[in-house]
């Protein structure tokens, strides 16, 4: 077998140099019971966010306790409802991958009636969100939090 995953993959799964553990995602727009929600600065769609498991490094969903699963998916549900209220997508995709950053996080990718791949996954081609647009989206999400 020829190894195709990075040589440091096992160390990264254990938390070595973890981007999320180092709090490099910035301030969350929502702090839940088990996860923090961040708007993506490089998004595949308007309102693309991630919910990152908080408080300890977890690489795999199966490493969570039953109580952690309930709390974390409750947070994902809360954030998805926020995105629905603020951005009004026609559908939402939930992606739990960890292929690049092996720390448990779920991408919430809103889908719109005019997106380029109806009925299929969106191409994974993140594009930088202009600072003014990013700030506007954050303010909309924070206003939603304040109104709840």
N, C-alpha and C. Protein backbone atom coordinates (compact mmCIF):
# COMPACT_ATOMS: atom_id res chain seq x y z
N UNK A 1 0.84 -1.18 0.00
CA UNK A 1 0.00 0.00 0.00
C UNK A 1 0.89 1.24 0.00
N UNK A 2 0.55 2.19 -0.84
CA UNK A 2 1.24 3.47 -0.88
C UNK A 2 0.41 4.48 -0.09
N UNK A 3 1.04 5.07 0.91
CA UNK A 3 0.33 6.04 1.74
C UNK A 3 0.02 7.29 0.93
N UNK A 4 -1.23 7.75 1.00
CA UNK A 4 -1.62 8.97 0.28
C UNK A 4 -1.99 10.10 1.24
N UNK A 5 -2.29 9.77 2.50
CA UNK A 5 -2.60 10.81 3.49
C UNK A 5 -1.29 11.41 3.99
N UNK A 6 -1.33 12.66 4.48
CA UNK A 6 -0.09 13.31 4.95
C UNK A 6 0.61 12.50 6.04
N UNK A 7 1.92 12.58 6.06
CA UNK A 7 2.72 11.85 7.04
C UNK A 7 2.37 12.22 8.48
N UNK A 8 1.93 13.46 8.70
CA UNK A 8 1.62 13.91 10.06
C UNK A 8 0.14 13.71 10.42
N UNK A 9 -0.59 12.95 9.62
CA UNK A 9 -2.04 12.80 9.81
C UNK A 9 -2.39 12.28 11.20
N UNK A 10 -1.70 11.24 11.66
CA UNK A 10 -2.02 10.67 12.98
C UNK A 10 -1.81 11.70 14.09
N UNK A 11 -0.72 12.46 14.00
CA UNK A 11 -0.47 13.51 15.00
C UNK A 11 -1.54 14.60 14.93
N UNK A 12 -1.93 14.96 13.72
CA UNK A 12 -2.98 15.98 13.56
C UNK A 12 -4.30 15.50 14.14
N UNK A 13 -4.63 14.23 13.95
CA UNK A 13 -5.86 13.69 14.53
C UNK A 13 -5.82 13.72 16.06
N UNK A 14 -4.63 13.66 16.60
CA UNK A 14 -4.48 13.76 18.05
C UNK A 14 -4.49 15.20 18.54
N UNK A 15 -4.48 16.16 17.61
CA UNK A 15 -4.60 17.57 17.98
C UNK A 15 -3.36 18.40 17.75
N UNK A 16 -2.27 17.81 17.26
CA UNK A 16 -1.03 18.55 17.03
C UNK A 16 -1.27 19.67 16.02
N UNK A 17 -1.03 20.90 16.43
CA UNK A 17 -1.16 22.06 15.54
C UNK A 17 -2.59 22.33 15.09
N UNK A 18 -3.57 21.89 15.87
CA UNK A 18 -4.97 22.04 15.46
C UNK A 18 -5.36 23.50 15.34
N UNK A 19 -5.86 23.84 14.18
CA UNK A 19 -6.28 25.20 13.86
C UNK A 19 -7.42 25.65 14.76
N UNK A 20 -8.39 24.75 14.99
CA UNK A 20 -9.54 25.11 15.82
C UNK A 20 -9.19 25.17 17.30
N UNK A 21 -8.37 24.26 17.78
CA UNK A 21 -7.95 24.30 19.18
C UNK A 21 -7.15 25.57 19.48
N UNK A 22 -6.46 26.08 18.45
CA UNK A 22 -5.70 27.32 18.60
C UNK A 22 -6.56 28.57 18.46
N UNK A 23 -7.87 28.40 18.40
CA UNK A 23 -8.83 29.51 18.30
C UNK A 23 -8.52 30.45 17.14
N UNK A 24 -8.11 29.89 16.02
CA UNK A 24 -7.77 30.70 14.85
C UNK A 24 -8.98 31.01 13.97
N UNK A 25 -10.15 30.53 14.36
CA UNK A 25 -11.35 30.79 13.56
C UNK A 25 -11.97 32.14 13.89
N UNK A 26 -11.47 32.81 14.93
CA UNK A 26 -12.01 34.11 15.29
C UNK A 26 -13.20 33.99 16.24
N UNK A 27 -13.89 35.10 16.42
CA UNK A 27 -15.02 35.13 17.34
C UNK A 27 -16.24 34.46 16.70
N UNK A 28 -16.91 33.60 17.44
CA UNK A 28 -18.11 32.97 16.90
C UNK A 28 -19.29 33.93 16.90
N UNK A 29 -20.24 33.72 15.99
CA UNK A 29 -21.47 34.51 16.03
C UNK A 29 -22.50 33.83 16.93
N UNK A 30 -22.25 32.57 17.29
CA UNK A 30 -23.13 31.86 18.22
C UNK A 30 -22.29 30.91 19.05
N UNK A 31 -22.49 30.94 20.36
CA UNK A 31 -21.85 30.00 21.28
C UNK A 31 -22.94 29.10 21.83
N UNK A 32 -22.85 27.83 21.50
CA UNK A 32 -23.86 26.88 21.94
C UNK A 32 -23.39 26.08 23.13
N UNK A 33 -24.11 25.02 23.43
CA UNK A 33 -23.79 24.16 24.56
C UNK A 33 -22.49 23.39 24.34
N UNK A 34 -22.22 23.00 23.09
CA UNK A 34 -21.03 22.19 22.80
C UNK A 34 -20.22 22.69 21.61
N UNK A 35 -20.78 23.65 20.86
CA UNK A 35 -20.09 24.10 19.65
C UNK A 35 -20.19 25.59 19.45
N UNK A 36 -19.21 26.10 18.73
CA UNK A 36 -19.19 27.51 18.33
C UNK A 36 -19.45 27.61 16.83
N UNK A 37 -20.27 28.60 16.45
CA UNK A 37 -20.59 28.79 15.04
C UNK A 37 -19.81 29.97 14.48
N UNK A 38 -19.21 29.76 13.32
CA UNK A 38 -18.42 30.78 12.64
C UNK A 38 -18.90 30.89 11.20
N UNK A 39 -19.04 32.10 10.73
CA UNK A 39 -19.31 32.33 9.32
C UNK A 39 -18.00 32.11 8.56
N UNK A 40 -18.08 31.42 7.44
CA UNK A 40 -16.87 31.16 6.66
C UNK A 40 -16.42 32.41 5.92
N UNK A 41 -15.13 32.71 6.02
CA UNK A 41 -14.55 33.84 5.28
C UNK A 41 -14.26 33.46 3.83
N UNK A 42 -14.13 32.17 3.58
CA UNK A 42 -14.00 31.62 2.23
C UNK A 42 -15.17 30.65 2.07
N UNK A 43 -16.22 31.12 1.42
CA UNK A 43 -17.49 30.40 1.41
C UNK A 43 -17.79 29.80 0.04
N UNK A 44 -18.56 28.71 0.07
CA UNK A 44 -19.05 28.14 -1.18
C UNK A 44 -20.44 28.65 -1.51
N UNK A 45 -21.08 29.33 -0.54
CA UNK A 45 -22.40 29.93 -0.76
C UNK A 45 -22.60 31.03 0.29
N UNK A 46 -23.48 31.96 0.01
CA UNK A 46 -23.82 33.03 0.95
C UNK A 46 -24.40 32.40 2.23
N UNK A 47 -23.84 32.76 3.37
CA UNK A 47 -24.31 32.22 4.64
C UNK A 47 -23.65 30.91 5.06
N UNK A 48 -22.65 30.45 4.32
CA UNK A 48 -21.91 29.22 4.65
C UNK A 48 -21.25 29.40 6.02
N UNK A 49 -21.56 28.50 6.94
CA UNK A 49 -21.03 28.58 8.30
C UNK A 49 -20.51 27.20 8.71
N UNK A 50 -19.75 27.19 9.80
CA UNK A 50 -19.32 25.93 10.41
C UNK A 50 -19.66 25.98 11.89
N UNK A 51 -19.95 24.81 12.44
CA UNK A 51 -20.12 24.66 13.88
C UNK A 51 -19.00 23.73 14.34
N UNK A 52 -18.12 24.28 15.18
CA UNK A 52 -16.92 23.57 15.63
C UNK A 52 -17.15 23.05 17.04
N UNK A 53 -16.88 21.75 17.24
CA UNK A 53 -16.98 21.19 18.59
C UNK A 53 -15.96 21.90 19.47
N UNK A 54 -16.39 22.28 20.67
CA UNK A 54 -15.59 23.12 21.55
C UNK A 54 -15.15 22.35 22.80
N UNK A 55 -14.18 22.87 23.48
CA UNK A 55 -13.71 22.47 24.81
C UNK A 55 -12.68 21.35 24.84
N UNK A 56 -12.58 20.57 23.79
CA UNK A 56 -11.51 19.57 23.70
C UNK A 56 -11.34 19.17 22.24
N UNK A 57 -10.19 18.63 21.94
CA UNK A 57 -9.95 18.18 20.58
C UNK A 57 -10.65 16.85 20.36
N UNK A 58 -11.48 16.80 19.36
CA UNK A 58 -12.17 15.57 18.94
C UNK A 58 -12.03 15.50 17.42
N UNK A 59 -11.44 14.44 16.93
CA UNK A 59 -11.26 14.31 15.48
C UNK A 59 -12.44 13.59 14.83
N UNK A 60 -13.05 12.69 15.55
CA UNK A 60 -14.10 11.86 14.96
C UNK A 60 -15.40 11.96 15.74
N UNK A 61 -16.50 12.02 15.03
CA UNK A 61 -17.83 12.07 15.61
C UNK A 61 -18.05 10.92 16.61
N UNK A 62 -17.49 9.76 16.31
CA UNK A 62 -17.69 8.59 17.15
C UNK A 62 -16.96 8.69 18.49
N UNK A 63 -16.13 9.72 18.67
CA UNK A 63 -15.44 9.92 19.94
C UNK A 63 -16.30 10.67 20.96
N UNK A 64 -17.45 11.18 20.53
CA UNK A 64 -18.32 11.92 21.44
C UNK A 64 -19.14 10.97 22.31
N UNK A 65 -19.47 11.44 23.50
CA UNK A 65 -20.42 10.72 24.34
C UNK A 65 -21.83 10.96 23.80
N UNK A 66 -22.77 10.18 24.25
CA UNK A 66 -24.16 10.37 23.82
C UNK A 66 -24.66 11.77 24.19
N UNK A 67 -24.30 12.24 25.37
CA UNK A 67 -24.72 13.58 25.79
C UNK A 67 -24.08 14.66 24.91
N UNK A 68 -22.80 14.47 24.54
CA UNK A 68 -22.13 15.43 23.67
C UNK A 68 -22.77 15.45 22.28
N UNK A 69 -23.15 14.28 21.77
CA UNK A 69 -23.82 14.20 20.47
C UNK A 69 -25.10 15.03 20.50
N UNK A 70 -25.89 14.85 21.54
CA UNK A 70 -27.17 15.57 21.65
C UNK A 70 -26.93 17.07 21.72
N UNK A 71 -25.97 17.49 22.53
CA UNK A 71 -25.68 18.93 22.68
C UNK A 71 -25.14 19.51 21.38
N UNK A 72 -24.21 18.81 20.74
CA UNK A 72 -23.59 19.32 19.52
C UNK A 72 -24.61 19.42 18.38
N UNK A 73 -25.40 18.38 18.16
CA UNK A 73 -26.39 18.43 17.08
C UNK A 73 -27.50 19.41 17.41
N UNK A 74 -27.75 19.64 18.69
CA UNK A 74 -28.68 20.71 19.07
C UNK A 74 -28.15 22.06 18.64
N UNK A 75 -26.84 22.27 18.81
CA UNK A 75 -26.22 23.53 18.36
C UNK A 75 -26.29 23.66 16.84
N UNK A 76 -26.04 22.59 16.13
CA UNK A 76 -26.11 22.63 14.66
C UNK A 76 -27.53 22.98 14.23
N UNK A 77 -28.50 22.40 14.87
CA UNK A 77 -29.90 22.69 14.57
C UNK A 77 -30.21 24.17 14.81
N UNK A 78 -29.75 24.71 15.93
CA UNK A 78 -29.98 26.12 16.25
C UNK A 78 -29.37 27.03 15.19
N UNK A 79 -28.14 26.74 14.80
CA UNK A 79 -27.45 27.57 13.80
C UNK A 79 -28.13 27.43 12.44
N UNK A 80 -28.55 26.24 12.08
CA UNK A 80 -29.25 26.05 10.80
C UNK A 80 -30.52 26.89 10.77
N UNK A 81 -31.25 26.93 11.86
CA UNK A 81 -32.47 27.75 11.91
C UNK A 81 -32.14 29.23 11.78
N UNK A 82 -31.04 29.65 12.39
CA UNK A 82 -30.61 31.05 12.25
C UNK A 82 -30.32 31.37 10.77
N UNK A 83 -29.57 30.50 10.12
CA UNK A 83 -29.21 30.71 8.71
C UNK A 83 -30.49 30.74 7.86
N UNK A 84 -31.43 29.86 8.15
CA UNK A 84 -32.69 29.86 7.40
C UNK A 84 -33.43 31.19 7.56
N UNK A 85 -33.49 31.71 8.80
CA UNK A 85 -34.20 32.97 9.03
C UNK A 85 -33.49 34.14 8.36
N UNK A 86 -32.17 34.17 8.41
CA UNK A 86 -31.42 35.32 7.91
C UNK A 86 -31.26 35.29 6.39
N UNK A 87 -30.96 34.14 5.81
CA UNK A 87 -30.60 34.06 4.40
C UNK A 87 -31.67 33.44 3.49
N UNK A 88 -32.68 32.82 4.08
CA UNK A 88 -33.81 32.23 3.35
C UNK A 88 -33.39 31.29 2.20
N UNK A 89 -32.55 30.29 2.48
CA UNK A 89 -32.22 29.33 1.42
C UNK A 89 -33.41 28.41 1.15
N UNK A 90 -33.36 27.71 0.04
CA UNK A 90 -34.41 26.74 -0.28
C UNK A 90 -34.08 25.36 0.30
N UNK A 91 -32.82 25.16 0.72
CA UNK A 91 -32.37 23.88 1.25
C UNK A 91 -31.06 24.12 2.00
N UNK A 92 -30.65 23.15 2.84
CA UNK A 92 -29.39 23.25 3.57
C UNK A 92 -28.64 21.94 3.44
N UNK A 93 -27.34 22.01 3.15
CA UNK A 93 -26.48 20.84 3.17
C UNK A 93 -25.66 20.86 4.46
N UNK A 94 -25.45 19.66 5.03
CA UNK A 94 -24.67 19.50 6.26
C UNK A 94 -23.51 18.58 5.91
N UNK A 95 -22.29 19.08 6.06
CA UNK A 95 -21.12 18.29 5.69
C UNK A 95 -20.22 18.10 6.90
N UNK A 96 -20.01 16.85 7.27
CA UNK A 96 -19.11 16.49 8.36
C UNK A 96 -17.96 15.73 7.70
N UNK A 97 -16.85 16.42 7.48
CA UNK A 97 -15.77 15.84 6.69
C UNK A 97 -14.49 15.62 7.51
N UNK A 98 -13.81 16.69 7.88
CA UNK A 98 -12.56 16.56 8.62
C UNK A 98 -11.39 16.10 7.79
N UNK A 99 -11.46 16.22 6.48
CA UNK A 99 -10.39 15.74 5.62
C UNK A 99 -9.17 16.65 5.60
N UNK A 100 -9.36 17.91 5.90
CA UNK A 100 -8.24 18.86 5.92
C UNK A 100 -7.85 19.21 7.35
N UNK A 101 -8.85 19.56 8.15
CA UNK A 101 -8.64 19.88 9.57
C UNK A 101 -9.35 18.80 10.38
N UNK A 102 -8.61 17.85 10.96
CA UNK A 102 -9.24 16.76 11.69
C UNK A 102 -9.67 17.15 13.10
N UNK A 103 -10.57 18.12 13.17
CA UNK A 103 -11.22 18.51 14.42
C UNK A 103 -12.70 18.57 14.07
N UNK A 104 -13.53 17.94 14.86
CA UNK A 104 -14.94 17.81 14.54
C UNK A 104 -15.59 19.17 14.28
N UNK A 105 -16.10 19.32 13.07
CA UNK A 105 -16.85 20.51 12.68
C UNK A 105 -17.79 20.13 11.54
N UNK A 106 -18.90 20.82 11.48
CA UNK A 106 -19.89 20.57 10.44
C UNK A 106 -20.08 21.84 9.64
N UNK A 107 -19.99 21.72 8.32
CA UNK A 107 -20.27 22.84 7.42
C UNK A 107 -21.77 22.88 7.18
N UNK A 108 -22.36 24.05 7.33
CA UNK A 108 -23.75 24.29 6.98
C UNK A 108 -23.72 25.14 5.72
N UNK A 109 -24.15 24.54 4.62
CA UNK A 109 -24.06 25.21 3.32
C UNK A 109 -25.47 25.45 2.80
N UNK A 110 -25.91 26.71 2.86
CA UNK A 110 -27.24 27.04 2.34
C UNK A 110 -27.27 26.87 0.82
N UNK A 111 -28.41 26.41 0.33
CA UNK A 111 -28.62 26.25 -1.10
C UNK A 111 -29.72 27.22 -1.52
N UNK A 112 -29.58 27.76 -2.72
CA UNK A 112 -30.51 28.78 -3.20
C UNK A 112 -31.10 28.36 -4.54
N UNK A 113 -32.25 28.92 -4.86
CA UNK A 113 -32.94 28.55 -6.09
C UNK A 113 -32.12 28.81 -7.35
N UNK A 114 -31.13 29.71 -7.24
CA UNK A 114 -30.31 30.02 -8.41
C UNK A 114 -28.90 29.43 -8.34
N UNK A 115 -28.67 28.45 -7.42
CA UNK A 115 -27.30 27.93 -7.32
C UNK A 115 -26.95 27.07 -8.53
N UNK A 116 -25.65 26.83 -8.76
CA UNK A 116 -25.21 26.19 -10.01
C UNK A 116 -25.39 24.68 -10.09
N UNK A 117 -25.87 24.04 -9.01
CA UNK A 117 -25.95 22.58 -9.04
C UNK A 117 -27.22 22.07 -8.35
N UNK A 118 -28.39 22.45 -8.85
CA UNK A 118 -29.61 22.00 -8.20
C UNK A 118 -29.70 20.47 -8.16
N UNK A 119 -30.04 19.96 -6.97
CA UNK A 119 -30.17 18.51 -6.83
C UNK A 119 -28.86 17.76 -6.69
N UNK A 120 -27.73 18.46 -6.71
CA UNK A 120 -26.41 17.84 -6.60
C UNK A 120 -25.60 18.62 -5.56
N UNK A 121 -24.48 18.04 -5.10
CA UNK A 121 -23.60 18.81 -4.22
C UNK A 121 -23.02 20.02 -4.96
N UNK A 122 -22.82 21.10 -4.23
CA UNK A 122 -22.14 22.26 -4.82
C UNK A 122 -20.68 21.92 -5.06
N UNK A 123 -20.09 22.46 -6.11
CA UNK A 123 -18.63 22.31 -6.28
C UNK A 123 -17.93 22.95 -5.07
N UNK A 124 -16.93 22.28 -4.55
CA UNK A 124 -16.21 22.81 -3.39
C UNK A 124 -15.14 23.77 -3.87
N UNK A 125 -15.58 24.99 -4.15
CA UNK A 125 -14.70 26.04 -4.65
C UNK A 125 -14.91 27.30 -3.80
N UNK A 126 -14.42 27.28 -2.54
CA UNK A 126 -14.62 28.44 -1.66
C UNK A 126 -14.01 29.69 -2.26
N UNK A 127 -14.75 30.78 -2.11
CA UNK A 127 -14.28 32.08 -2.60
C UNK A 127 -14.26 33.06 -1.44
N UNK A 128 -13.26 33.95 -1.40
CA UNK A 128 -13.20 34.93 -0.31
C UNK A 128 -14.45 35.80 -0.29
N UNK A 129 -14.95 36.04 0.90
CA UNK A 129 -16.08 36.94 1.07
C UNK A 129 -15.51 38.32 1.37
N UNK A 130 -15.91 39.32 0.59
CA UNK A 130 -15.42 40.69 0.81
C UNK A 130 -15.72 41.11 2.25
N UNK A 131 -14.81 41.86 2.85
CA UNK A 131 -14.95 42.23 4.26
C UNK A 131 -16.28 42.92 4.55
N UNK A 132 -16.69 43.84 3.70
CA UNK A 132 -17.95 44.56 3.94
C UNK A 132 -19.14 43.59 3.92
N UNK A 133 -19.13 42.64 2.99
CA UNK A 133 -20.21 41.65 2.92
C UNK A 133 -20.15 40.71 4.11
N UNK A 134 -18.96 40.29 4.50
CA UNK A 134 -18.79 39.43 5.67
C UNK A 134 -19.35 40.14 6.91
N UNK A 135 -18.97 41.40 7.10
CA UNK A 135 -19.45 42.17 8.25
C UNK A 135 -20.97 42.31 8.23
N UNK A 136 -21.54 42.52 7.05
CA UNK A 136 -23.00 42.65 6.92
C UNK A 136 -23.69 41.34 7.31
N UNK A 137 -23.15 40.21 6.84
CA UNK A 137 -23.74 38.92 7.17
C UNK A 137 -23.63 38.62 8.67
N UNK A 138 -22.48 38.94 9.25
CA UNK A 138 -22.29 38.74 10.70
C UNK A 138 -23.30 39.57 11.47
N UNK A 139 -23.48 40.83 11.09
CA UNK A 139 -24.44 41.70 11.78
C UNK A 139 -25.85 41.13 11.68
N UNK A 140 -26.21 40.60 10.52
CA UNK A 140 -27.54 40.00 10.37
C UNK A 140 -27.71 38.79 11.30
N UNK A 141 -26.68 37.97 11.40
CA UNK A 141 -26.74 36.81 12.28
C UNK A 141 -26.79 37.22 13.75
N UNK A 142 -25.99 38.21 14.12
CA UNK A 142 -25.99 38.68 15.50
C UNK A 142 -27.33 39.32 15.86
N UNK A 143 -27.94 40.00 14.93
CA UNK A 143 -29.26 40.59 15.16
C UNK A 143 -30.27 39.47 15.39
N UNK A 144 -30.16 38.39 14.64
CA UNK A 144 -31.04 37.24 14.82
C UNK A 144 -30.86 36.66 16.22
N UNK A 145 -29.60 36.53 16.67
CA UNK A 145 -29.32 36.02 18.01
C UNK A 145 -29.95 36.94 19.05
N UNK A 146 -29.79 38.23 18.87
CA UNK A 146 -30.32 39.21 19.84
C UNK A 146 -31.84 39.16 19.90
N UNK A 147 -32.48 38.84 18.81
CA UNK A 147 -33.95 38.81 18.77
C UNK A 147 -34.54 37.50 19.27
N UNK A 148 -33.71 36.55 19.60
CA UNK A 148 -34.22 35.25 20.09
C UNK A 148 -34.21 35.18 21.58
